[in-house]
Full PDB file with SEQRES, HELIX, SHEET, SSBOND, CRYST1, ORIGX, SCALE, CONECT and MASTER records, all heavy atoms in Angstrom:
SEQRES   1 A   40  THR GLY SER ASP SER ILE TYR ARG THR THR PHE THR ALA          
SEQRES   2 A   40  SER THR ASP GLN THR ASN ALA ALA GLY VAL PRO VAL LEU          
SEQRES   3 A   40  ARG VAL ARG SER SER THR SER SER PHE GLU GLN SER ASP          
SEQRES   4 A   40  VAL                                                          
HELIX    1 AA1 ALA A   20  GLY A   22  5                                   3    
SHEET    1 AA1 2 SER A  30  SER A  31  0                                        
SHEET    2 AA1 2 SER A  38  ASP A  39 -1                                        
CRYST1    1.000    1.000    1.000  90.00  90.00  90.00 P 1           1          
ORIGX1      1.000000  0.000000  0.000000        0.00000                         
ORIGX2      0.000000  1.000000  0.000000        0.00000                         
ORIGX3      0.000000  0.000000  1.000000        0.00000                         
SCALE1      1.000000  0.000000  0.000000        0.00000                         
SCALE2      0.000000  1.000000  0.000000        0.00000                         
SCALE3      0.000000  0.000000  1.000000        0.00000                         
ATOM      1  N   THR A   1      -7.275 -15.095 -16.406  1.00  0.00           N  
ATOM      2  CA  THR A   1      -6.873 -13.858 -15.738  1.00  0.00           C  
ATOM      3  C   THR A   1      -7.865 -12.815 -15.889  1.00  0.00           C  
ATOM      4  O   THR A   1      -9.010 -13.094 -16.330  1.00  0.00           O  
ATOM      5  CB  THR A   1      -5.487 -13.417 -16.293  1.00  0.00           C  
ATOM      6  OG1 THR A   1      -5.654 -13.335 -17.720  1.00  0.00           O  
ATOM      7  CG2 THR A   1      -4.377 -14.365 -16.042  1.00  0.00           C  
ATOM      8  N   GLY A   2      -7.545 -11.561 -15.574  1.00  0.00           N  
ATOM      9  CA  GLY A   2      -8.586 -10.501 -15.619  1.00  0.00           C  
ATOM     10  C   GLY A   2      -9.150 -10.289 -14.215  1.00  0.00           C  
ATOM     11  O   GLY A   2      -8.400 -10.022 -13.276  1.00  0.00           O  
ATOM     12  N   SER A   3     -10.433 -10.537 -14.027  1.00  0.00           N  
ATOM     13  CA  SER A   3     -11.044 -10.320 -12.741  1.00  0.00           C  
ATOM     14  C   SER A   3     -10.596 -11.391 -11.783  1.00  0.00           C  
ATOM     15  O   SER A   3     -10.687 -11.149 -10.574  1.00  0.00           O  
ATOM     16  CB  SER A   3     -12.563 -10.392 -12.880  1.00  0.00           C  
ATOM     17  OG  SER A   3     -12.929 -11.701 -13.250  1.00  0.00           O  
ATOM     18  N   ASP A   4      -9.975 -12.453 -12.315  1.00  0.00           N  
ATOM     19  CA  ASP A   4      -9.422 -13.501 -11.429  1.00  0.00           C  
ATOM     20  C   ASP A   4      -7.873 -13.338 -11.302  1.00  0.00           C  
ATOM     21  O   ASP A   4      -7.272 -14.205 -10.644  1.00  0.00           O  
ATOM     22  CB  ASP A   4      -9.758 -14.868 -11.894  1.00  0.00           C  
ATOM     23  CG  ASP A   4     -11.295 -15.047 -11.938  1.00  0.00           C  
ATOM     24  OD1 ASP A   4     -11.973 -14.989 -10.895  1.00  0.00           O  
ATOM     25  OD2 ASP A   4     -11.714 -15.311 -13.084  1.00  0.00           O  
ATOM     26  N   SER A   5      -7.303 -12.290 -11.861  1.00  0.00           N  
ATOM     27  CA  SER A   5      -5.870 -12.106 -11.684  1.00  0.00           C  
ATOM     28  C   SER A   5      -5.593 -11.723 -10.276  1.00  0.00           C  
ATOM     29  O   SER A   5      -6.323 -11.115  -9.617  1.00  0.00           O  
ATOM     30  CB  SER A   5      -5.427 -10.984 -12.601  1.00  0.00           C  
ATOM     31  OG  SER A   5      -5.445 -11.386 -14.022  1.00  0.00           O  
ATOM     32  N   ILE A   6      -4.396 -12.111  -9.836  1.00  0.00           N  
ATOM     33  CA  ILE A   6      -3.935 -11.687  -8.595  1.00  0.00           C  
ATOM     34  C   ILE A   6      -2.784 -10.704  -8.785  1.00  0.00           C  
ATOM     35  O   ILE A   6      -1.736 -11.065  -9.454  1.00  0.00           O  
ATOM     36  CB  ILE A   6      -3.459 -12.879  -7.744  1.00  0.00           C  
ATOM     37  CG1 ILE A   6      -4.590 -13.958  -7.608  1.00  0.00           C  
ATOM     38  CG2 ILE A   6      -2.970 -12.426  -6.333  1.00  0.00           C  
ATOM     39  CD1 ILE A   6      -4.124 -15.315  -7.047  1.00  0.00           C  
ATOM     40  N   TYR A   7      -2.916  -9.531  -8.325  1.00  0.00           N  
ATOM     41  CA  TYR A   7      -1.821  -8.541  -8.456  1.00  0.00           C  
ATOM     42  C   TYR A   7      -1.110  -8.494  -7.115  1.00  0.00           C  
ATOM     43  O   TYR A   7      -1.693  -8.635  -6.124  1.00  0.00           O  
ATOM     44  CB  TYR A   7      -2.405  -7.158  -8.828  1.00  0.00           C  
ATOM     45  CG  TYR A   7      -3.045  -7.113 -10.263  1.00  0.00           C  
ATOM     46  CD1 TYR A   7      -4.413  -7.311 -10.341  1.00  0.00           C  
ATOM     47  CD2 TYR A   7      -2.330  -6.913 -11.306  1.00  0.00           C  
ATOM     48  CE1 TYR A   7      -5.026  -7.245 -11.552  1.00  0.00           C  
ATOM     49  CE2 TYR A   7      -2.867  -6.800 -12.516  1.00  0.00           C  
ATOM     50  CZ  TYR A   7      -4.257  -7.044 -12.740  1.00  0.00           C  
ATOM     51  OH  TYR A   7      -4.826  -7.003 -13.944  1.00  0.00           O  
ATOM     52  N   ARG A   8       0.149  -8.245  -7.247  1.00  0.00           N  
ATOM     53  CA  ARG A   8       1.024  -8.009  -6.038  1.00  0.00           C  
ATOM     54  C   ARG A   8       1.909  -6.807  -6.172  1.00  0.00           C  
ATOM     55  O   ARG A   8       2.551  -6.688  -7.236  1.00  0.00           O  
ATOM     56  CB  ARG A   8       1.919  -9.299  -5.829  1.00  0.00           C  
ATOM     57  CG  ARG A   8       2.846  -9.110  -4.541  1.00  0.00           C  
ATOM     58  CD  ARG A   8       3.609 -10.313  -4.246  1.00  0.00           C  
ATOM     59  NE  ARG A   8       4.692 -10.629  -5.248  1.00  0.00           N  
ATOM     60  CZ  ARG A   8       5.292 -11.776  -5.333  1.00  0.00           C  
ATOM     61  NH1 ARG A   8       5.036 -12.746  -4.491  1.00  0.00           N  
ATOM     62  NH2 ARG A   8       6.232 -11.915  -6.186  1.00  0.00           N  
ATOM     63  N   THR A   9       1.866  -5.948  -5.180  1.00  0.00           N  
ATOM     64  CA  THR A   9       2.788  -4.721  -5.214  1.00  0.00           C  
ATOM     65  C   THR A   9       3.702  -5.001  -4.089  1.00  0.00           C  
ATOM     66  O   THR A   9       3.381  -5.221  -2.865  1.00  0.00           O  
ATOM     67  CB  THR A   9       1.987  -3.378  -5.036  1.00  0.00           C  
ATOM     68  OG1 THR A   9       1.143  -3.534  -3.890  1.00  0.00           O  
ATOM     69  CG2 THR A   9       1.190  -3.160  -6.261  1.00  0.00           C  
ATOM     70  N   THR A  10       4.967  -4.815  -4.348  1.00  0.00           N  
ATOM     71  CA  THR A  10       6.067  -4.981  -3.389  1.00  0.00           C  
ATOM     72  C   THR A  10       6.647  -3.612  -3.234  1.00  0.00           C  
ATOM     73  O   THR A  10       7.267  -3.025  -4.101  1.00  0.00           O  
ATOM     74  CB  THR A  10       7.099  -5.930  -3.810  1.00  0.00           C  
ATOM     75  OG1 THR A  10       6.514  -7.202  -4.083  1.00  0.00           O  
ATOM     76  CG2 THR A  10       8.214  -6.123  -2.733  1.00  0.00           C  
ATOM     77  N   PHE A  11       6.520  -3.000  -1.997  1.00  0.00           N  
ATOM     78  CA  PHE A  11       7.025  -1.677  -1.709  1.00  0.00           C  
ATOM     79  C   PHE A  11       8.178  -1.827  -0.799  1.00  0.00           C  
ATOM     80  O   PHE A  11       8.150  -2.481   0.253  1.00  0.00           O  
ATOM     81  CB  PHE A  11       5.915  -0.895  -0.953  1.00  0.00           C  
ATOM     82  CG  PHE A  11       4.878  -0.240  -1.892  1.00  0.00           C  
ATOM     83  CD1 PHE A  11       3.948  -1.102  -2.444  1.00  0.00           C  
ATOM     84  CD2 PHE A  11       4.746   1.089  -2.123  1.00  0.00           C  
ATOM     85  CE1 PHE A  11       2.898  -0.592  -3.313  1.00  0.00           C  
ATOM     86  CE2 PHE A  11       3.842   1.557  -2.876  1.00  0.00           C  
ATOM     87  CZ  PHE A  11       2.892   0.701  -3.527  1.00  0.00           C  
ATOM     88  N   THR A  12       9.247  -0.971  -1.048  1.00  0.00           N  
ATOM     89  CA  THR A  12      10.370  -0.911  -0.154  1.00  0.00           C  
ATOM     90  C   THR A  12      10.346   0.518   0.408  1.00  0.00           C  
ATOM     91  O   THR A  12      10.291   1.550  -0.391  1.00  0.00           O  
ATOM     92  CB  THR A  12      11.735  -1.178  -0.818  1.00  0.00           C  
ATOM     93  OG1 THR A  12      11.678  -2.422  -1.373  1.00  0.00           O  
ATOM     94  CG2 THR A  12      12.902  -1.037   0.156  1.00  0.00           C  
ATOM     95  N   ALA A  13      10.343   0.691   1.690  1.00  0.00           N  
ATOM     96  CA  ALA A  13      10.182   2.041   2.297  1.00  0.00           C  
ATOM     97  C   ALA A  13      11.397   2.340   3.246  1.00  0.00           C  
ATOM     98  O   ALA A  13      11.975   1.402   3.867  1.00  0.00           O  
ATOM     99  CB  ALA A  13       8.858   2.147   3.131  1.00  0.00           C  
ATOM    100  N   SER A  14      11.612   3.634   3.351  1.00  0.00           N  
ATOM    101  CA  SER A  14      12.691   4.084   4.250  1.00  0.00           C  
ATOM    102  C   SER A  14      12.224   5.410   5.038  1.00  0.00           C  
ATOM    103  O   SER A  14      11.189   5.936   4.641  1.00  0.00           O  
ATOM    104  CB  SER A  14      13.995   4.332   3.550  1.00  0.00           C  
ATOM    105  OG  SER A  14      13.803   5.367   2.579  1.00  0.00           O  
ATOM    106  N   THR A  15      12.919   5.770   6.045  1.00  0.00           N  
ATOM    107  CA  THR A  15      12.594   6.907   6.760  1.00  0.00           C  
ATOM    108  C   THR A  15      13.867   7.631   7.304  1.00  0.00           C  
ATOM    109  O   THR A  15      14.910   7.027   7.334  1.00  0.00           O  
ATOM    110  CB  THR A  15      11.639   6.579   7.948  1.00  0.00           C  
ATOM    111  OG1 THR A  15      11.186   7.741   8.633  1.00  0.00           O  
ATOM    112  CG2 THR A  15      12.377   5.658   8.941  1.00  0.00           C  
ATOM    113  N   ASP A  16      13.687   8.837   7.837  1.00  0.00           N  
ATOM    114  CA  ASP A  16      14.788   9.547   8.458  1.00  0.00           C  
ATOM    115  C   ASP A  16      14.768   9.470   9.858  1.00  0.00           C  
ATOM    116  O   ASP A  16      15.553  10.033  10.631  1.00  0.00           O  
ATOM    117  CB  ASP A  16      14.807  11.026   8.028  1.00  0.00           C  
ATOM    118  CG  ASP A  16      13.473  11.795   8.457  1.00  0.00           C  
ATOM    119  OD1 ASP A  16      12.629  11.115   9.027  1.00  0.00           O  
ATOM    120  OD2 ASP A  16      13.424  12.988   8.219  1.00  0.00           O  
ATOM    121  N   GLN A  17      13.821   8.674  10.416  1.00  0.00           N  
ATOM    122  CA  GLN A  17      13.635   8.567  11.983  1.00  0.00           C  
ATOM    123  C   GLN A  17      14.511   7.413  12.453  1.00  0.00           C  
ATOM    124  O   GLN A  17      14.578   6.258  11.948  1.00  0.00           O  
ATOM    125  CB  GLN A  17      12.193   8.317  12.265  1.00  0.00           C  
ATOM    126  CG  GLN A  17      11.223   9.433  11.930  1.00  0.00           C  
ATOM    127  CD  GLN A  17      11.488  10.621  12.603  1.00  0.00           C  
ATOM    128  OE1 GLN A  17      11.467  10.703  13.883  1.00  0.00           O  
ATOM    129  NE2 GLN A  17      11.894  11.673  11.881  1.00  0.00           N  
ATOM    130  N   THR A  18      15.226   7.718  13.654  1.00  0.00           N  
ATOM    131  CA  THR A  18      16.078   6.612  14.254  1.00  0.00           C  
ATOM    132  C   THR A  18      15.217   5.833  15.258  1.00  0.00           C  
ATOM    133  O   THR A  18      15.521   4.712  15.538  1.00  0.00           O  
ATOM    134  CB  THR A  18      17.234   7.293  14.984  1.00  0.00           C  
ATOM    135  OG1 THR A  18      16.718   8.217  15.931  1.00  0.00           O  
ATOM    136  CG2 THR A  18      18.139   7.976  14.015  1.00  0.00           C  
ATOM    137  N   ASN A  19      14.108   6.356  15.705  1.00  0.00           N  
ATOM    138  CA  ASN A  19      13.260   5.718  16.670  1.00  0.00           C  
ATOM    139  C   ASN A  19      11.989   5.279  15.962  1.00  0.00           C  
ATOM    140  O   ASN A  19      11.129   6.024  15.483  1.00  0.00           O  
ATOM    141  CB  ASN A  19      12.875   6.673  17.828  1.00  0.00           C  
ATOM    142  CG  ASN A  19      11.966   6.049  18.822  1.00  0.00           C  
ATOM    143  OD1 ASN A  19      11.782   4.712  18.840  1.00  0.00           O  
ATOM    144  ND2 ASN A  19      11.395   6.797  19.722  1.00  0.00           N  
ATOM    145  N   ALA A  20      11.739   3.880  15.837  1.00  0.00           N  
ATOM    146  CA  ALA A  20      10.634   3.369  15.131  1.00  0.00           C  
ATOM    147  C   ALA A  20       9.304   3.877  15.711  1.00  0.00           C  
ATOM    148  O   ALA A  20       8.324   3.941  14.992  1.00  0.00           O  
ATOM    149  CB  ALA A  20      10.618   1.820  15.204  1.00  0.00           C  
ATOM    150  N   ALA A  21       9.235   4.082  17.030  1.00  0.00           N  
ATOM    151  CA  ALA A  21       7.995   4.543  17.560  1.00  0.00           C  
ATOM    152  C   ALA A  21       7.578   5.972  17.085  1.00  0.00           C  
ATOM    153  O   ALA A  21       6.379   6.320  17.218  1.00  0.00           O  
ATOM    154  CB  ALA A  21       8.079   4.605  19.140  1.00  0.00           C  
ATOM    155  N   GLY A  22       8.519   6.690  16.528  1.00  0.00           N  
ATOM    156  CA  GLY A  22       8.103   7.972  16.023  1.00  0.00           C  
ATOM    157  C   GLY A  22       7.696   8.045  14.676  1.00  0.00           C  
ATOM    158  O   GLY A  22       7.382   9.089  14.063  1.00  0.00           O  
ATOM    159  N   VAL A  23       7.754   6.911  13.842  1.00  0.00           N  
ATOM    160  CA  VAL A  23       7.460   6.879  12.457  1.00  0.00           C  
ATOM    161  C   VAL A  23       5.942   6.927  12.234  1.00  0.00           C  
ATOM    162  O   VAL A  23       5.195   6.125  12.823  1.00  0.00           O  
ATOM    163  CB  VAL A  23       7.968   5.615  11.821  1.00  0.00           C  
ATOM    164  CG1 VAL A  23       7.592   5.527  10.336  1.00  0.00           C  
ATOM    165  CG2 VAL A  23       9.521   5.561  11.949  1.00  0.00           C  
ATOM    166  N   PRO A  24       5.467   7.844  11.488  1.00  0.00           N  
ATOM    167  CA  PRO A  24       4.008   7.956  11.181  1.00  0.00           C  
ATOM    168  C   PRO A  24       3.397   6.697  10.454  1.00  0.00           C  
ATOM    169  O   PRO A  24       4.199   5.855  10.010  1.00  0.00           O  
ATOM    170  CB  PRO A  24       3.834   9.251  10.217  1.00  0.00           C  
ATOM    171  CG  PRO A  24       5.080   9.933  10.445  1.00  0.00           C  
ATOM    172  CD  PRO A  24       6.149   8.917  10.758  1.00  0.00           C  
ATOM    173  N   VAL A  25       2.116   6.634  10.420  1.00  0.00           N  
ATOM    174  CA  VAL A  25       1.495   5.422   9.737  1.00  0.00           C  
ATOM    175  C   VAL A  25       1.687   5.571   8.236  1.00  0.00           C  
ATOM    176  O   VAL A  25       1.606   6.621   7.638  1.00  0.00           O  
ATOM    177  CB  VAL A  25      -0.053   5.384  10.033  1.00  0.00           C  
ATOM    178  CG1 VAL A  25      -0.710   4.410   9.140  1.00  0.00           C  
ATOM    179  CG2 VAL A  25      -0.310   5.288  11.544  1.00  0.00           C  
ATOM    180  N   LEU A  26       2.108   4.494   7.628  1.00  0.00           N  
ATOM    181  CA  LEU A  26       2.184   4.449   6.208  1.00  0.00           C  
ATOM    182  C   LEU A  26       1.273   3.287   5.631  1.00  0.00           C  
ATOM    183  O   LEU A  26       0.960   2.310   6.307  1.00  0.00           O  
ATOM    184  CB  LEU A  26       3.621   4.130   5.763  1.00  0.00           C  
ATOM    185  CG  LEU A  26       4.341   2.835   6.184  1.00  0.00           C  
ATOM    186  CD1 LEU A  26       4.138   1.811   5.028  1.00  0.00           C  
ATOM    187  CD2 LEU A  26       5.852   3.058   6.326  1.00  0.00           C  
ATOM    188  N   ARG A  27       0.747   3.521   4.471  1.00  0.00           N  
ATOM    189  CA  ARG A  27      -0.148   2.589   3.917  1.00  0.00           C  
ATOM    190  C   ARG A  27       0.236   2.355   2.413  1.00  0.00           C  
ATOM    191  O   ARG A  27       0.651   3.227   1.638  1.00  0.00           O  
ATOM    192  CB  ARG A  27      -1.604   3.132   3.837  1.00  0.00           C  
ATOM    193  CG  ARG A  27      -2.142   3.253   5.219  1.00  0.00           C  
ATOM    194  CD  ARG A  27      -3.745   3.412   5.184  1.00  0.00           C  
ATOM    195  NE  ARG A  27      -4.169   4.392   4.213  1.00  0.00           N  
ATOM    196  CZ  ARG A  27      -5.412   4.850   4.098  1.00  0.00           C  
ATOM    197  NH1 ARG A  27      -6.307   4.367   4.929  1.00  0.00           N  
ATOM    198  NH2 ARG A  27      -5.779   5.704   3.224  1.00  0.00           N  
ATOM    199  N   VAL A  28      -0.061   1.136   1.958  1.00  0.00           N  
ATOM    200  CA  VAL A  28       0.030   0.691   0.572  1.00  0.00           C  
ATOM    201  C   VAL A  28      -1.314   0.440   0.133  1.00  0.00           C  
ATOM    202  O   VAL A  28      -2.047  -0.293   0.755  1.00  0.00           O  
ATOM    203  CB  VAL A  28       1.005  -0.582   0.397  1.00  0.00           C  
ATOM    204  CG1 VAL A  28       0.987  -0.981  -1.083  1.00  0.00           C  
ATOM    205  CG2 VAL A  28       2.351  -0.351   0.865  1.00  0.00           C  
ATOM    206  N   ARG A  29      -1.789   1.101  -0.954  1.00  0.00           N  
ATOM    207  CA  ARG A  29      -3.144   0.990  -1.415  1.00  0.00           C  
ATOM    208  C   ARG A  29      -3.256   0.732  -2.835  1.00  0.00           C  
ATOM    209  O   ARG A  29      -2.553   1.324  -3.613  1.00  0.00           O  
ATOM    210  CB  ARG A  29      -3.749   2.273  -0.867  1.00  0.00           C  
ATOM    211  CG  ARG A  29      -5.306   2.399  -1.170  1.00  0.00           C  
ATOM    212  CD  ARG A  29      -5.889   3.546  -0.346  1.00  0.00           C  
ATOM    213  NE  ARG A  29      -5.141   4.794  -0.353  1.00  0.00           N  
ATOM    214  CZ  ARG A  29      -5.454   5.809  -1.076  1.00  0.00           C  
ATOM    215  NH1 ARG A  29      -6.461   5.741  -1.896  1.00  0.00           N  
ATOM    216  NH2 ARG A  29      -4.690   6.960  -1.058  1.00  0.00           N  
ATOM    217  N   SER A  30      -4.217  -0.041  -3.271  1.00  0.00           N  
ATOM    218  CA  SER A  30      -4.672  -0.147  -4.638  1.00  0.00           C  
ATOM    219  C   SER A  30      -6.096   0.206  -4.740  1.00  0.00           C  
ATOM    220  O   SER A  30      -6.894  -0.294  -3.866  1.00  0.00           O  
ATOM    221  CB  SER A  30      -4.354  -1.573  -5.230  1.00  0.00           C  
ATOM    222  OG  SER A  30      -4.989  -2.579  -4.360  1.00  0.00           O  
ATOM    223  N   SER A  31      -6.471   0.963  -5.684  1.00  0.00           N  
ATOM    224  CA  SER A  31      -7.838   1.267  -5.859  1.00  0.00           C  
ATOM    225  C   SER A  31      -8.325   1.531  -7.223  1.00  0.00           C  
ATOM    226  O   SER A  31      -7.459   1.932  -8.064  1.00  0.00           O  
ATOM    227  CB  SER A  31      -8.146   2.602  -5.018  1.00  0.00           C  
ATOM    228  OG  SER A  31      -9.496   2.972  -5.109  1.00  0.00           O  
ATOM    229  N   THR A  32      -9.575   1.324  -7.488  1.00  0.00           N  
ATOM    230  CA  THR A  32     -10.078   1.634  -8.822  1.00  0.00           C  
ATOM    231  C   THR A  32     -10.140   3.151  -8.953  1.00  0.00           C  
ATOM    232  O   THR A  32     -10.153   3.843  -7.884  1.00  0.00           O  
ATOM    233  CB  THR A  32     -11.479   1.071  -9.074  1.00  0.00           C  
ATOM    234  OG1 THR A  32     -12.371   1.648  -8.086  1.00  0.00           O  
ATOM    235  CG2 THR A  32     -11.547  -0.423  -8.879  1.00  0.00           C  
ATOM    236  N   SER A  33     -10.324   3.717 -10.107  1.00  0.00           N  
ATOM    237  CA  SER A  33     -10.386   5.078 -10.317  1.00  0.00           C  
ATOM    238  C   SER A  33     -11.703   5.710  -9.717  1.00  0.00           C  
ATOM    239  O   SER A  33     -11.718   6.862  -9.360  1.00  0.00           O  
ATOM    240  CB  SER A  33     -10.335   5.489 -11.755  1.00  0.00           C  
ATOM    241  OG  SER A  33     -11.382   4.812 -12.510  1.00  0.00           O  
ATOM    242  N   SER A  34     -12.584   4.870  -9.486  1.00  0.00           N  
ATOM    243  CA  SER A  34     -13.920   5.240  -8.895  1.00  0.00           C  
ATOM    244  C   SER A  34     -13.948   5.044  -7.406  1.00  0.00           C  
ATOM    245  O   SER A  34     -14.873   5.423  -6.696  1.00  0.00           O  
ATOM    246  CB  SER A  34     -15.073   4.483  -9.454  1.00  0.00           C  
ATOM    247  OG  SER A  34     -15.035   3.132  -9.238  1.00  0.00           O  
ATOM    248  N   PHE A  35     -12.932   4.317  -6.845  1.00  0.00           N  
ATOM    249  CA  PHE A  35     -12.882   4.066  -5.503  1.00  0.00           C  
ATOM    250  C   PHE A  35     -14.068   3.204  -4.881  1.00  0.00           C  
ATOM    251  O   PHE A  35     -14.396   3.170  -3.814  1.00  0.00           O  
ATOM    252  CB  PHE A  35     -12.804   5.286  -4.599  1.00  0.00           C  
ATOM    253  CG  PHE A  35     -11.488   5.938  -4.602  1.00  0.00           C  
ATOM    254  CD1 PHE A  35     -11.060   6.769  -5.641  1.00  0.00           C  
ATOM    255  CD2 PHE A  35     -10.473   5.685  -3.591  1.00  0.00           C  
ATOM    256  CE1 PHE A  35      -9.828   7.290  -5.685  1.00  0.00           C  
ATOM    257  CE2 PHE A  35      -9.204   6.271  -3.672  1.00  0.00           C  
ATOM    258  CZ  PHE A  35      -8.882   7.117  -4.747  1.00  0.00           C  
ATOM    259  N   GLU A  36     -14.668   2.431  -5.835  1.00  0.00           N  
ATOM    260  CA  GLU A  36     -15.767   1.527  -5.434  1.00  0.00           C  
ATOM    261  C   GLU A  36     -15.217   0.459  -4.610  1.00  0.00           C  
ATOM    262  O   GLU A  36     -15.939  -0.036  -3.718  1.00  0.00           O  
ATOM    263  CB  GLU A  36     -16.470   1.002  -6.711  1.00  0.00           C  
ATOM    264  CG  GLU A  36     -17.207   1.967  -7.540  1.00  0.00           C  
ATOM    265  CD  GLU A  36     -17.842   1.396  -8.797  1.00  0.00           C  
ATOM    266  OE1 GLU A  36     -18.091   0.168  -8.716  1.00  0.00           O  
ATOM    267  OE2 GLU A  36     -17.920   2.050  -9.726  1.00  0.00           O  
ATOM    268  N   GLN A  37     -14.037   0.019  -4.861  1.00  0.00           N  
ATOM    269  CA  GLN A  37     -13.360  -1.073  -4.060  1.00  0.00           C  
ATOM    270  C   GLN A  37     -11.929  -0.765  -4.060  1.00  0.00           C  
ATOM    271  O   GLN A  37     -11.310  -0.410  -4.928  1.00  0.00           O  
ATOM    272  CB  GLN A  37     -13.579  -2.465  -4.618  1.00  0.00           C  
ATOM    273  CG  GLN A  37     -12.949  -3.552  -3.755  1.00  0.00           C  
ATOM    274  CD  GLN A  37     -13.303  -4.899  -4.229  1.00  0.00           C  
ATOM    275  OE1 GLN A  37     -14.473  -5.126  -4.646  1.00  0.00           O  
ATOM    276  NE2 GLN A  37     -12.359  -5.825  -4.207  1.00  0.00           N  
ATOM    277  N   SER A  38     -11.295  -0.844  -2.793  1.00  0.00           N  
ATOM    278  CA  SER A  38      -9.985  -0.697  -2.617  1.00  0.00           C  
ATOM    279  C   SER A  38      -9.376  -1.700  -1.649  1.00  0.00           C  
ATOM    280  O   SER A  38     -10.143  -2.177  -0.810  1.00  0.00           O  
ATOM    281  CB  SER A  38      -9.631   0.867  -2.118  1.00  0.00           C  
ATOM    282  OG  SER A  38     -10.303   0.974  -0.848  1.00  0.00           O  
ATOM    283  N   ASP A  39      -8.149  -2.023  -1.763  1.00  0.00           N  
ATOM    284  CA  ASP A  39      -7.471  -2.957  -0.884  1.00  0.00           C  
ATOM    285  C   ASP A  39      -6.333  -2.177  -0.291  1.00  0.00           C  
ATOM    286  O   ASP A  39      -5.573  -1.533  -1.001  1.00  0.00           O  
ATOM    287  CB  ASP A  39      -6.927  -4.125  -1.674  1.00  0.00           C  
ATOM    288  CG  ASP A  39      -8.039  -4.943  -2.310  1.00  0.00           C  
ATOM    289  OD1 ASP A  39      -8.612  -4.463  -3.307  1.00  0.00           O  
ATOM    290  OD2 ASP A  39      -8.245  -6.063  -1.837  1.00  0.00           O  
ATOM    291  N   VAL A  40      -6.213  -2.334   1.013  1.00  0.00           N  
ATOM    292  CA  VAL A  40      -5.211  -1.463   1.756  1.00  0.00           C  
ATOM    293  C   VAL A  40      -4.382  -2.366   2.654  1.00  0.00           C  
ATOM    294  O   VAL A  40      -4.876  -3.275   3.276  1.00  0.00           O  
ATOM    295  CB  VAL A  40      -5.991  -0.393   2.604  1.00  0.00           C  
ATOM    296  CG1 VAL A  40      -5.058   0.483   3.286  1.00  0.00           C  
ATOM    297  CG2 VAL A  40      -6.993   0.387   1.663  1.00  0.00           C  
TER     298      VAL A  40                                                      
MASTER        0    0    0    1    2    0    0    6  297    1    0    4          
END                                                                             
């Protein structure tokens, strides 16, 4: 494990919008503190 570890984040999201077309873009992101590499 370590640099070969696979991390998984599972996000559950909700909104106050009844029309899906009006929902803004949302992102799930993981990043190092230096932002040298990020997965989005």
